[in-house]
């Protein structure tokens, strides 16, 4: 007997396949908003519950460092893979299933890098109390990832999205 699907998504930050329907185009934005709401709530709780402990700023530093730099590392890896694919694709004929797996991995990597970068930017702004130049840089990175995601959906057409 199959168990019913839970109504509450336990890990909303990664894309989930929806049976019979295409994934929504704004799925990474929904995941980033979910991450930012959870992060803002956690930072607010840390600030109000433990005001003198310094745990809030330390956690914000970890999220800013981890989010921005992991998002940047994934972005660099994606750019290197894109350059390699552009060179290798004309020389190697891949089966259709392998292309679908590669495109799925590419979509999930963009999705994860976008969510990490947006959460890191929020933590950077909370940590500094203003918008530092690094936050502007990583906001540009998030915009690049979003444009890459939208371009991928546009190139794939409505059947793969």
Protein backbone atom coordinates (compact mmCIF):
# COMPACT_ATOMS: atom_id res chain seq x y z
CA UNK A 1 0.00 0.00 0.00
CA UNK A 2 1.43 3.36 -1.01
CA UNK A 3 1.75 5.98 1.66
CA UNK A 4 0.11 9.34 0.96
CA UNK A 5 2.37 12.13 -0.23
CA UNK A 6 3.12 14.62 2.57
CA UNK A 7 1.48 18.01 2.19
CA UNK A 8 4.52 19.77 3.68
CA UNK A 9 7.63 19.76 1.52
CA UNK A 10 10.53 18.81 3.79
CA UNK A 11 13.25 20.16 1.51
CA UNK A 12 11.80 22.90 -0.71
CA UNK A 13 15.13 24.26 -1.91
CA UNK A 14 15.73 21.72 -4.68
CA UNK A 15 13.51 21.09 -7.69
CA UNK A 16 11.08 18.21 -7.48
CA UNK A 17 9.58 16.38 -10.45
CA UNK A 18 5.84 16.83 -10.73
CA UNK A 19 4.12 13.86 -12.29
CA UNK A 20 2.40 14.71 -15.55
CA UNK A 21 3.00 18.44 -15.38
CA UNK A 22 5.99 20.59 -16.29
CA UNK A 23 7.85 22.27 -13.46
CA UNK A 24 6.94 25.92 -12.97
CA UNK A 25 9.37 28.36 -14.56
CA UNK A 26 9.68 30.36 -11.34
CA UNK A 27 10.61 27.35 -9.20
CA UNK A 28 14.10 28.67 -8.27
CA UNK A 29 12.59 31.97 -7.17
CA UNK A 30 10.07 30.18 -4.98
CA UNK A 31 12.88 28.15 -3.41
CA UNK A 32 15.02 31.27 -2.89
CA UNK A 33 12.11 33.10 -1.25
CA UNK A 34 11.50 30.08 1.00
CA UNK A 35 15.18 30.01 1.96
CA UNK A 36 15.26 33.75 2.64
CA UNK A 37 12.11 33.66 4.76
CA UNK A 38 13.49 30.78 6.81
CA UNK A 39 16.89 32.45 7.13
CA UNK A 40 15.39 35.81 8.12
CA UNK A 41 13.18 34.12 10.71
CA UNK A 42 16.13 32.22 12.14
CA UNK A 43 18.32 35.34 12.30
CA UNK A 44 15.48 37.26 13.97
CA UNK A 45 15.01 34.50 16.55
CA UNK A 46 18.75 34.41 17.25
CA UNK A 47 18.82 38.20 17.63
CA UNK A 48 15.81 38.34 19.97
CA UNK A 49 16.35 35.14 21.97
CA UNK A 50 20.10 35.48 22.50
CA UNK A 51 20.84 39.21 22.14
CA UNK A 52 24.31 39.33 23.70
CA UNK A 53 25.66 35.94 22.65
CA UNK A 54 26.97 36.89 19.22
CA UNK A 55 25.45 33.73 17.78
CA UNK A 56 23.33 35.67 15.28
CA UNK A 57 26.24 37.52 13.65
CA UNK A 58 28.39 34.37 13.59
CA UNK A 59 25.60 32.40 11.94
CA UNK A 60 25.07 35.24 9.44
CA UNK A 61 28.81 35.15 8.63
CA UNK A 62 28.67 31.41 8.01
CA UNK A 63 25.59 31.70 5.79
CA UNK A 64 27.07 34.64 3.87
CA UNK A 65 30.38 32.90 3.35
CA UNK A 66 28.91 29.50 2.56
CA UNK A 67 26.06 30.76 0.40
CA UNK A 68 27.98 33.24 -1.70
CA UNK A 69 31.13 31.18 -2.14
CA UNK A 70 29.40 27.85 -2.75
CA UNK A 71 27.12 29.56 -5.26
CA UNK A 72 30.19 31.08 -6.90
CA UNK A 73 31.99 27.71 -7.00
CA UNK A 74 28.97 26.03 -8.59
CA UNK A 75 28.69 28.88 -11.10
CA UNK A 76 32.35 28.52 -12.07
CA UNK A 77 31.96 24.76 -12.43
CA UNK A 78 28.89 25.29 -14.63
CA UNK A 79 30.75 27.77 -16.82
CA UNK A 80 33.65 25.32 -17.21
CA UNK A 81 31.22 22.52 -18.08
CA UNK A 82 29.45 24.73 -20.61
CA UNK A 83 32.75 25.52 -22.31
CA UNK A 84 33.67 21.84 -22.36
CA UNK A 85 30.27 20.82 -23.72
CA UNK A 86 30.51 23.43 -26.47
CA UNK A 87 33.78 21.87 -27.59
CA UNK A 88 32.87 18.19 -27.09
CA UNK A 89 29.26 18.10 -28.33
CA UNK A 90 30.03 18.32 -32.05
CA UNK A 91 32.54 15.48 -31.74
CA UNK A 92 30.54 13.06 -29.55
CA UNK A 93 27.05 11.81 -30.29
CA UNK A 94 25.25 11.31 -26.98
CA UNK A 95 22.13 9.19 -26.60
CA UNK A 96 18.93 11.06 -25.79
CA UNK A 97 18.68 9.66 -22.25
CA UNK A 98 22.20 10.86 -21.46
CA UNK A 99 21.37 14.35 -22.72
CA UNK A 100 18.26 14.41 -20.51
CA UNK A 101 20.29 13.36 -17.46
CA UNK A 102 22.92 16.02 -18.19
CA UNK A 103 20.28 18.71 -18.67
CA UNK A 104 18.56 17.65 -15.43
CA UNK A 105 21.86 17.89 -13.54
CA UNK A 106 22.50 21.30 -15.14
CA UNK A 107 19.04 22.54 -14.09
CA UNK A 108 19.52 21.38 -10.52
CA UNK A 109 22.99 22.91 -10.28
CA UNK A 110 21.69 26.28 -11.50
CA UNK A 111 18.79 26.02 -9.08
CA UNK A 112 21.04 25.23 -6.11
CA UNK A 113 23.59 27.92 -6.98
CA UNK A 114 20.79 30.50 -7.30
CA UNK A 115 19.27 29.63 -3.93
CA UNK A 116 22.65 29.60 -2.18
CA UNK A 117 23.65 32.93 -3.70
CA UNK A 118 20.39 34.66 -2.77
CA UNK A 119 20.59 33.34 0.81
CA UNK A 120 24.23 34.48 1.02
CA UNK A 121 23.32 37.97 -0.21
CA UNK A 122 20.56 38.24 2.40
CA UNK A 123 22.96 37.15 5.16
CA UNK A 124 25.58 39.66 3.92
CA UNK A 125 23.07 42.52 4.02
CA UNK A 126 21.85 41.46 7.49
CA UNK A 127 25.42 41.15 8.74
CA UNK A 128 26.57 44.56 7.51
CA UNK A 129 23.32 46.46 7.99
CA UNK A 130 23.70 47.97 4.52
CA UNK A 131 24.38 46.76 0.98
CA UNK A 132 28.16 46.25 0.68
CA UNK A 133 29.89 45.99 -2.72
CA UNK A 134 30.24 42.21 -2.32
CA UNK A 135 26.46 41.91 -2.03
CA UNK A 136 26.07 43.83 -5.29
CA UNK A 137 28.56 41.48 -6.97
CA UNK A 138 26.72 38.38 -5.77
CA UNK A 139 23.37 39.91 -6.70
CA UNK A 140 24.77 40.17 -10.23
CA UNK A 141 25.76 36.51 -9.99
CA UNK A 142 22.21 35.60 -8.93
CA UNK A 143 20.84 37.61 -11.88
CA UNK A 144 23.21 35.72 -14.21
CA UNK A 145 22.03 32.39 -12.81
CA UNK A 146 18.38 33.41 -13.17
CA UNK A 147 19.00 34.50 -16.78
CA UNK A 148 20.77 31.19 -17.44
CA UNK A 149 17.81 29.28 -16.01
CA UNK A 150 15.28 31.24 -18.07
CA UNK A 151 17.39 30.85 -21.24
CA UNK A 152 17.62 27.11 -20.66
CA UNK A 153 13.83 26.88 -20.34
CA UNK A 154 13.36 29.05 -23.42
CA UNK A 155 15.76 26.95 -25.51
CA UNK A 156 14.25 23.67 -24.33
CA UNK A 157 10.72 24.73 -25.13
CA UNK A 158 7.61 23.88 -23.13
CA UNK A 159 8.08 20.10 -23.37
CA UNK A 160 11.17 19.86 -21.11
CA UNK A 161 10.50 22.67 -18.64
